[in-house]
Amino acid sequence: MFTYFQSRSRLARRLVIYALCIALFSVSIACASFFGRKQQGVVTFYNGIPELCPQIDMLRQKDLKPVHSVDELKRHYGLTFFISFKDGISPSLYGTLYHHDREKLQYCMVLPDGQFAVIQDSVQGDRFNMQQEVCYPIKDCLDDANP
């Protein structure tokens, strides 16, 4: 009889451990989707500053922060870009490029909606997938295209 209760106790402990593992896995997936990122083509969108590129290395401005309008983007960073892609999958972007990893062909961008984007560029044939155009202060790309 003692063995019967021991085996039931072990089974109960295992079930509790499995339930906890499933709960932790579910919570981690929910957090990743809520706090984390969303990917479209070669672009990954983040709600906060991505760990891959936590500092500015392409601009004079060194204070990296989210912005919530085009005017705030221009005022704070002083430079904007229009990014398009040849792959036909990745969305066009308007914002400020602030980090570039040449070895990984990776760019980081502040967007005017409070988000950040990490772009993983690639070479298609003899050309890069990503095309970048400097907008502000040279011209107003938002009049030319609607990203």
N, C-alpha and C. Protein backbone atom coordinates (compact mmCIF):
# COMPACT_ATOMS: atom_id res chain seq x y z
N MET A 1 0.82 -1.19 0.00
CA MET A 1 0.00 0.00 0.00
C MET A 1 0.87 1.26 0.00
N PHE A 2 1.97 1.20 0.73
CA PHE A 2 2.87 2.34 0.79
C PHE A 2 3.45 2.64 -0.60
N THR A 3 3.77 1.61 -1.38
CA THR A 3 4.30 1.77 -2.72
C THR A 3 3.27 2.41 -3.65
N TYR A 4 2.02 2.07 -3.48
CA TYR A 4 0.94 2.65 -4.29
C TYR A 4 0.89 4.17 -4.12
N PHE A 5 0.97 4.64 -2.87
CA PHE A 5 0.92 6.08 -2.61
C PHE A 5 2.18 6.79 -3.10
N GLN A 6 3.32 6.10 -3.00
CA GLN A 6 4.57 6.69 -3.50
C GLN A 6 4.49 6.88 -5.01
N SER A 7 3.99 5.89 -5.72
CA SER A 7 3.91 6.01 -7.18
C SER A 7 2.89 7.08 -7.58
N ARG A 8 1.78 7.19 -6.85
CA ARG A 8 0.79 8.24 -7.13
C ARG A 8 1.39 9.62 -6.86
N SER A 9 2.20 9.71 -5.82
CA SER A 9 2.84 10.98 -5.48
C SER A 9 3.84 11.39 -6.56
N ARG A 10 4.60 10.43 -7.06
CA ARG A 10 5.55 10.73 -8.14
C ARG A 10 4.82 11.18 -9.39
N LEU A 11 3.75 10.49 -9.70
CA LEU A 11 2.96 10.85 -10.88
C LEU A 11 2.40 12.27 -10.73
N ALA A 12 1.91 12.59 -9.56
CA ALA A 12 1.37 13.94 -9.31
C ALA A 12 2.47 14.99 -9.46
N ARG A 13 3.65 14.70 -8.94
CA ARG A 13 4.76 15.66 -9.07
C ARG A 13 5.14 15.86 -10.53
N ARG A 14 5.19 14.76 -11.27
CA ARG A 14 5.53 14.87 -12.69
C ARG A 14 4.49 15.69 -13.44
N LEU A 15 3.22 15.44 -13.13
CA LEU A 15 2.16 16.21 -13.80
C LEU A 15 2.26 17.69 -13.47
N VAL A 16 2.58 18.01 -12.23
CA VAL A 16 2.73 19.41 -11.83
C VAL A 16 3.92 20.03 -12.57
N ILE A 17 5.02 19.30 -12.67
CA ILE A 17 6.20 19.82 -13.38
C ILE A 17 5.89 20.04 -14.85
N TYR A 18 5.20 19.08 -15.49
CA TYR A 18 4.82 19.24 -16.89
C TYR A 18 3.89 20.44 -17.08
N ALA A 19 2.94 20.59 -16.17
CA ALA A 19 2.00 21.72 -16.27
C ALA A 19 2.75 23.04 -16.13
N LEU A 20 3.71 23.10 -15.21
CA LEU A 20 4.50 24.33 -15.05
C LEU A 20 5.34 24.62 -16.29
N CYS A 21 5.92 23.59 -16.88
CA CYS A 21 6.71 23.79 -18.10
C CYS A 21 5.84 24.31 -19.23
N ILE A 22 4.67 23.75 -19.39
CA ILE A 22 3.74 24.21 -20.43
C ILE A 22 3.32 25.65 -20.17
N ALA A 23 3.04 25.97 -18.91
CA ALA A 23 2.63 27.33 -18.57
C ALA A 23 3.76 28.32 -18.85
N LEU A 24 4.99 27.98 -18.47
CA LEU A 24 6.13 28.88 -18.73
C LEU A 24 6.37 29.06 -20.22
N PHE A 25 6.25 28.00 -20.98
CA PHE A 25 6.41 28.08 -22.43
C PHE A 25 5.34 28.99 -23.03
N SER A 26 4.10 28.84 -22.58
CA SER A 26 3.01 29.67 -23.09
C SER A 26 3.23 31.14 -22.76
N VAL A 27 3.67 31.40 -21.53
CA VAL A 27 3.93 32.79 -21.12
C VAL A 27 5.07 33.38 -21.93
N SER A 28 6.12 32.59 -22.19
CA SER A 28 7.25 33.13 -22.97
C SER A 28 6.83 33.44 -24.40
N ILE A 29 5.99 32.62 -24.99
CA ILE A 29 5.49 32.90 -26.34
C ILE A 29 4.62 34.16 -26.34
N ALA A 30 3.76 34.28 -25.34
CA ALA A 30 2.90 35.46 -25.26
C ALA A 30 3.73 36.73 -25.08
N CYS A 31 4.75 36.67 -24.23
CA CYS A 31 5.61 37.84 -24.02
C CYS A 31 6.37 38.19 -25.29
N ALA A 32 6.86 37.19 -25.99
CA ALA A 32 7.61 37.45 -27.22
C ALA A 32 6.73 38.13 -28.25
N SER A 33 5.49 37.70 -28.35
CA SER A 33 4.61 38.33 -29.34
C SER A 33 4.14 39.70 -28.89
N PHE A 34 3.95 39.90 -27.58
CA PHE A 34 3.47 41.19 -27.09
C PHE A 34 4.60 42.22 -27.02
N PHE A 35 5.72 41.85 -26.41
CA PHE A 35 6.82 42.77 -26.22
C PHE A 35 7.84 42.71 -27.34
N GLY A 36 7.89 41.60 -28.00
CA GLY A 36 8.99 41.31 -28.89
C GLY A 36 8.88 41.89 -30.27
N ARG A 37 8.68 41.02 -31.21
CA ARG A 37 8.88 41.44 -32.58
C ARG A 37 7.88 40.80 -33.52
N LYS A 38 7.81 41.41 -34.69
CA LYS A 38 6.98 40.90 -35.78
C LYS A 38 7.85 40.98 -37.02
N GLN A 39 7.84 39.94 -37.84
CA GLN A 39 8.71 39.92 -39.01
C GLN A 39 7.89 39.93 -40.29
N GLN A 40 8.37 40.74 -41.26
CA GLN A 40 7.83 40.78 -42.62
C GLN A 40 9.01 40.78 -43.57
N GLY A 41 9.19 39.70 -44.31
CA GLY A 41 10.32 39.61 -45.22
C GLY A 41 11.62 39.69 -44.46
N VAL A 42 12.48 40.62 -44.86
CA VAL A 42 13.79 40.77 -44.20
C VAL A 42 13.76 41.82 -43.09
N VAL A 43 12.57 42.32 -42.74
CA VAL A 43 12.42 43.35 -41.72
C VAL A 43 11.77 42.75 -40.47
N THR A 44 12.39 43.01 -39.32
CA THR A 44 11.81 42.61 -38.04
C THR A 44 11.49 43.88 -37.27
N PHE A 45 10.24 44.00 -36.82
CA PHE A 45 9.79 45.18 -36.09
C PHE A 45 9.85 44.90 -34.59
N TYR A 46 10.30 45.90 -33.83
CA TYR A 46 10.39 45.80 -32.37
C TYR A 46 9.62 46.95 -31.74
N ASN A 47 9.01 46.68 -30.58
CA ASN A 47 8.31 47.72 -29.84
C ASN A 47 9.27 48.55 -28.98
N GLY A 48 10.46 48.04 -28.74
CA GLY A 48 11.48 48.75 -27.98
C GLY A 48 12.81 48.70 -28.72
N ILE A 49 13.84 49.25 -28.11
CA ILE A 49 15.17 49.25 -28.74
C ILE A 49 15.67 47.81 -28.84
N PRO A 50 16.01 47.35 -30.04
CA PRO A 50 16.47 45.97 -30.20
C PRO A 50 17.82 45.72 -29.53
N GLU A 51 17.98 44.54 -28.95
CA GLU A 51 19.25 44.18 -28.32
C GLU A 51 20.38 44.11 -29.34
N LEU A 52 20.04 43.84 -30.60
CA LEU A 52 21.05 43.73 -31.65
C LEU A 52 21.75 45.05 -31.93
N CYS A 53 21.08 46.15 -31.65
CA CYS A 53 21.63 47.47 -31.98
C CYS A 53 21.17 48.49 -30.93
N PRO A 54 21.77 48.43 -29.74
CA PRO A 54 21.33 49.30 -28.65
C PRO A 54 21.90 50.72 -28.68
N GLN A 55 22.82 51.02 -29.60
CA GLN A 55 23.40 52.36 -29.64
C GLN A 55 23.52 52.85 -31.08
N ILE A 56 23.65 54.16 -31.20
CA ILE A 56 23.78 54.81 -32.50
C ILE A 56 25.24 54.81 -32.93
N ASP A 57 25.50 54.43 -34.18
CA ASP A 57 26.86 54.54 -34.69
C ASP A 57 26.92 55.21 -36.06
N MET A 58 25.80 55.67 -36.58
CA MET A 58 25.79 56.29 -37.92
C MET A 58 25.43 57.77 -37.89
N LEU A 59 25.14 58.34 -36.73
CA LEU A 59 24.68 59.72 -36.64
C LEU A 59 25.45 60.49 -35.58
N ARG A 60 25.38 61.80 -35.65
CA ARG A 60 25.94 62.64 -34.59
C ARG A 60 25.12 62.51 -33.31
N GLN A 61 23.81 62.43 -33.47
CA GLN A 61 22.91 62.28 -32.33
C GLN A 61 23.22 60.96 -31.64
N LYS A 62 23.46 60.98 -30.35
CA LYS A 62 23.81 59.75 -29.62
C LYS A 62 22.70 59.30 -28.66
N ASP A 63 21.63 60.07 -28.54
CA ASP A 63 20.52 59.72 -27.66
C ASP A 63 19.49 58.92 -28.44
N LEU A 64 19.51 57.61 -28.27
CA LEU A 64 18.59 56.73 -28.99
C LEU A 64 17.28 56.63 -28.21
N LYS A 65 16.19 57.01 -28.85
CA LYS A 65 14.89 56.94 -28.20
C LYS A 65 13.80 56.76 -29.25
N PRO A 66 12.67 56.19 -28.86
CA PRO A 66 11.56 56.08 -29.81
C PRO A 66 10.94 57.45 -30.05
N VAL A 67 10.40 57.62 -31.23
CA VAL A 67 9.68 58.85 -31.58
C VAL A 67 8.30 58.46 -32.08
N HIS A 68 7.37 59.42 -32.05
CA HIS A 68 5.99 59.08 -32.36
C HIS A 68 5.37 59.95 -33.44
N SER A 69 6.21 60.59 -34.24
CA SER A 69 5.71 61.35 -35.39
C SER A 69 6.88 61.63 -36.34
N VAL A 70 6.54 61.98 -37.56
CA VAL A 70 7.57 62.32 -38.55
C VAL A 70 8.31 63.59 -38.11
N ASP A 71 7.58 64.58 -37.60
CA ASP A 71 8.22 65.81 -37.14
C ASP A 71 9.20 65.55 -36.00
N GLU A 72 8.79 64.70 -35.05
CA GLU A 72 9.68 64.37 -33.93
C GLU A 72 10.91 63.61 -34.43
N LEU A 73 10.72 62.74 -35.41
CA LEU A 73 11.83 61.99 -36.02
C LEU A 73 12.84 62.96 -36.63
N LYS A 74 12.34 63.91 -37.42
CA LYS A 74 13.22 64.90 -38.06
C LYS A 74 13.93 65.77 -37.03
N ARG A 75 13.18 66.23 -36.02
CA ARG A 75 13.76 67.10 -34.99
C ARG A 75 14.84 66.39 -34.19
N HIS A 76 14.57 65.17 -33.78
CA HIS A 76 15.51 64.48 -32.89
C HIS A 76 16.72 63.92 -33.63
N TYR A 77 16.49 63.29 -34.78
CA TYR A 77 17.59 62.62 -35.48
C TYR A 77 18.16 63.43 -36.64
N GLY A 78 17.39 64.36 -37.21
CA GLY A 78 17.91 65.26 -38.23
C GLY A 78 18.10 64.68 -39.61
N LEU A 79 17.76 63.42 -39.81
CA LEU A 79 17.99 62.76 -41.09
C LEU A 79 16.97 61.64 -41.23
N THR A 80 16.35 61.53 -42.40
CA THR A 80 15.41 60.43 -42.62
C THR A 80 15.73 59.73 -43.93
N PHE A 81 15.28 58.50 -44.03
CA PHE A 81 15.51 57.66 -45.20
C PHE A 81 14.21 57.00 -45.64
N PHE A 82 14.13 56.73 -46.93
CA PHE A 82 13.07 55.88 -47.46
C PHE A 82 13.76 54.60 -47.93
N ILE A 83 13.33 53.47 -47.40
CA ILE A 83 13.94 52.18 -47.72
C ILE A 83 12.92 51.34 -48.48
N SER A 84 13.36 50.76 -49.59
CA SER A 84 12.52 49.83 -50.34
C SER A 84 13.33 48.57 -50.62
N PHE A 85 12.64 47.51 -51.00
CA PHE A 85 13.28 46.22 -51.20
C PHE A 85 12.89 45.64 -52.54
N LYS A 86 13.82 44.93 -53.15
CA LYS A 86 13.57 44.32 -54.45
C LYS A 86 12.87 42.97 -54.34
N ASP A 87 12.81 42.40 -53.14
CA ASP A 87 12.28 41.04 -52.98
C ASP A 87 10.76 40.95 -53.14
N GLY A 88 10.06 42.09 -53.10
CA GLY A 88 8.62 42.08 -53.26
C GLY A 88 7.86 41.57 -52.03
N ILE A 89 8.55 41.24 -50.97
CA ILE A 89 7.93 40.73 -49.75
C ILE A 89 8.05 41.74 -48.61
N SER A 90 9.23 42.31 -48.47
CA SER A 90 9.52 43.21 -47.36
C SER A 90 8.84 44.56 -47.58
N PRO A 91 8.32 45.16 -46.51
CA PRO A 91 7.62 46.44 -46.65
C PRO A 91 8.58 47.61 -46.81
N SER A 92 8.14 48.64 -47.51
CA SER A 92 8.92 49.88 -47.59
C SER A 92 8.88 50.55 -46.23
N LEU A 93 9.95 51.26 -45.89
CA LEU A 93 10.07 51.89 -44.58
C LEU A 93 10.47 53.34 -44.71
N TYR A 94 10.01 54.15 -43.77
CA TYR A 94 10.43 55.54 -43.66
C TYR A 94 10.87 55.74 -42.23
N GLY A 95 12.09 56.23 -42.04
CA GLY A 95 12.61 56.45 -40.69
C GLY A 95 14.06 56.87 -40.74
N THR A 96 14.77 56.66 -39.64
CA THR A 96 16.18 57.03 -39.54
C THR A 96 17.03 55.79 -39.31
N LEU A 97 17.96 55.54 -40.23
CA LEU A 97 18.94 54.47 -40.03
C LEU A 97 19.96 54.95 -39.01
N TYR A 98 20.22 54.13 -37.98
CA TYR A 98 21.16 54.57 -36.95
C TYR A 98 22.27 53.57 -36.66
N HIS A 99 22.19 52.38 -37.21
CA HIS A 99 23.22 51.37 -36.93
C HIS A 99 23.40 50.50 -38.16
N HIS A 100 24.66 50.12 -38.44
CA HIS A 100 24.95 49.26 -39.58
C HIS A 100 26.06 48.29 -39.19
N ASP A 101 25.80 47.01 -39.34
CA ASP A 101 26.81 45.98 -39.14
C ASP A 101 27.20 45.48 -40.52
N ARG A 102 28.35 45.91 -41.00
CA ARG A 102 28.77 45.59 -42.37
C ARG A 102 28.99 44.09 -42.59
N GLU A 103 29.50 43.41 -41.58
CA GLU A 103 29.76 41.98 -41.73
C GLU A 103 28.48 41.17 -41.87
N LYS A 104 27.46 41.54 -41.12
CA LYS A 104 26.19 40.81 -41.14
C LYS A 104 25.18 41.39 -42.13
N LEU A 105 25.54 42.50 -42.79
CA LEU A 105 24.61 43.22 -43.68
C LEU A 105 23.31 43.54 -42.95
N GLN A 106 23.46 44.08 -41.74
CA GLN A 106 22.31 44.34 -40.89
C GLN A 106 22.22 45.83 -40.57
N TYR A 107 21.00 46.38 -40.68
CA TYR A 107 20.74 47.79 -40.40
C TYR A 107 19.68 47.88 -39.32
N CYS A 108 19.75 48.96 -38.54
CA CYS A 108 18.72 49.23 -37.55
C CYS A 108 18.14 50.61 -37.82
N MET A 109 16.83 50.73 -37.61
CA MET A 109 16.12 51.95 -38.01
C MET A 109 15.09 52.34 -36.95
N VAL A 110 14.99 53.64 -36.69
CA VAL A 110 13.94 54.19 -35.84
C VAL A 110 12.79 54.57 -36.76
N LEU A 111 11.58 54.16 -36.40
CA LEU A 111 10.40 54.47 -37.21
C LEU A 111 9.56 55.54 -36.52
N PRO A 112 8.80 56.34 -37.26
CA PRO A 112 8.04 57.43 -36.66
C PRO A 112 6.79 57.00 -35.90
N ASP A 113 6.54 55.70 -35.78
CA ASP A 113 5.37 55.23 -35.03
C ASP A 113 5.75 54.66 -33.67
N GLY A 114 6.97 54.95 -33.20
CA GLY A 114 7.42 54.47 -31.90
C GLY A 114 8.12 53.13 -31.96
N GLN A 115 8.16 52.51 -33.12
CA GLN A 115 8.80 51.20 -33.25
C GLN A 115 10.22 51.33 -33.79
N PHE A 116 10.93 50.21 -33.75
CA PHE A 116 12.25 50.09 -34.33
C PHE A 116 12.21 48.93 -35.33
N ALA A 117 13.08 48.97 -36.31
CA ALA A 117 13.15 47.89 -37.30
C ALA A 117 14.60 47.44 -37.44
N VAL A 118 14.78 46.13 -37.57
CA VAL A 118 16.08 45.56 -37.90
C VAL A 118 15.94 44.96 -39.29
N ILE A 119 16.83 45.36 -40.17
CA ILE A 119 16.79 44.94 -41.57
C ILE A 119 17.97 44.02 -41.83
N GLN A 120 17.69 42.84 -42.32
CA GLN A 120 18.74 41.89 -42.69
C GLN A 120 18.85 41.91 -44.20
N ASP A 121 19.79 42.69 -44.72
CA ASP A 121 19.94 42.83 -46.16
C ASP A 121 20.59 41.58 -46.75
N SER A 122 20.47 41.43 -48.05
CA SER A 122 21.09 40.31 -48.75
C SER A 122 21.47 40.77 -50.15
N VAL A 123 22.28 39.98 -50.80
CA VAL A 123 22.68 40.28 -52.17
C VAL A 123 21.89 39.37 -53.09
N GLN A 124 21.22 39.98 -54.07
CA GLN A 124 20.47 39.21 -55.07
C GLN A 124 21.16 39.43 -56.41
N GLY A 125 21.80 38.38 -56.89
CA GLY A 125 22.60 38.53 -58.10
C GLY A 125 23.83 39.34 -57.78
N ASP A 126 23.95 40.51 -58.39
CA ASP A 126 25.08 41.39 -58.10
C ASP A 126 24.64 42.66 -57.39
N ARG A 127 23.40 42.70 -56.90
CA ARG A 127 22.86 43.90 -56.24
C ARG A 127 22.29 43.56 -54.87
N PHE A 128 22.27 44.58 -54.02
CA PHE A 128 21.67 44.43 -52.71
C PHE A 128 20.15 44.45 -52.83
N ASN A 129 19.49 43.72 -51.94
CA ASN A 129 18.03 43.70 -51.89
C ASN A 129 17.49 45.06 -51.44
N MET A 130 18.15 45.66 -50.46
CA MET A 130 17.68 46.92 -49.88
C MET A 130 18.17 48.11 -50.69
N GLN A 131 17.26 49.05 -50.95
CA GLN A 131 17.62 50.31 -51.61
C GLN A 131 17.28 51.43 -50.64
N GLN A 132 18.24 52.31 -50.38
CA GLN A 132 17.98 53.41 -49.46
C GLN A 132 18.12 54.75 -50.17
N GLU A 133 17.24 55.64 -49.78
CA GLU A 133 17.23 56.98 -50.36
C GLU A 133 17.19 57.98 -49.21
N VAL A 134 18.12 58.93 -49.21
CA VAL A 134 18.12 59.96 -48.18
C VAL A 134 16.97 60.92 -48.46
N CYS A 135 16.17 61.18 -47.46
CA CYS A 135 15.02 62.08 -47.63
C CYS A 135 15.33 63.42 -46.98
N TYR A 136 14.87 63.60 -45.75
CA TYR A 136 15.09 64.85 -45.04
C TYR A 136 16.56 64.94 -44.66
N PRO A 137 17.24 66.00 -44.89
CA PRO A 137 16.83 67.35 -45.26
C PRO A 137 16.86 67.63 -46.76
N ILE A 138 17.16 66.64 -47.60
CA ILE A 138 17.31 66.87 -49.04
C ILE A 138 15.98 67.03 -49.74
N LYS A 139 15.05 66.13 -49.48
CA LYS A 139 13.74 66.20 -50.13
C LYS A 139 12.70 65.54 -49.25
N ASP A 140 11.44 65.67 -49.64
CA ASP A 140 10.35 65.08 -48.88
C ASP A 140 9.89 63.80 -49.57
N CYS A 141 10.40 62.68 -49.11
CA CYS A 141 10.06 61.39 -49.73
C CYS A 141 8.60 61.01 -49.50
N LEU A 142 7.99 61.55 -48.48
CA LEU A 142 6.60 61.20 -48.20
C LEU A 142 5.66 61.73 -49.27
N ASP A 143 6.06 62.77 -49.98
CA ASP A 143 5.26 63.25 -51.10
C ASP A 143 5.42 62.35 -52.32
N ASP A 144 6.62 61.77 -52.49
CA ASP A 144 6.91 60.93 -53.65
C ASP A 144 6.32 59.53 -53.52
N ALA A 145 6.36 58.99 -52.32
CA ALA A 145 5.86 57.62 -52.09
C ALA A 145 5.17 57.57 -50.75
N ASN A 146 4.27 56.66 -50.61
CA ASN A 146 3.54 56.52 -49.36
C ASN A 146 3.95 55.22 -48.69
N PRO A 147 4.94 55.25 -47.77
CA PRO A 147 5.44 54.01 -47.16
C PRO A 147 4.41 53.38 -46.23
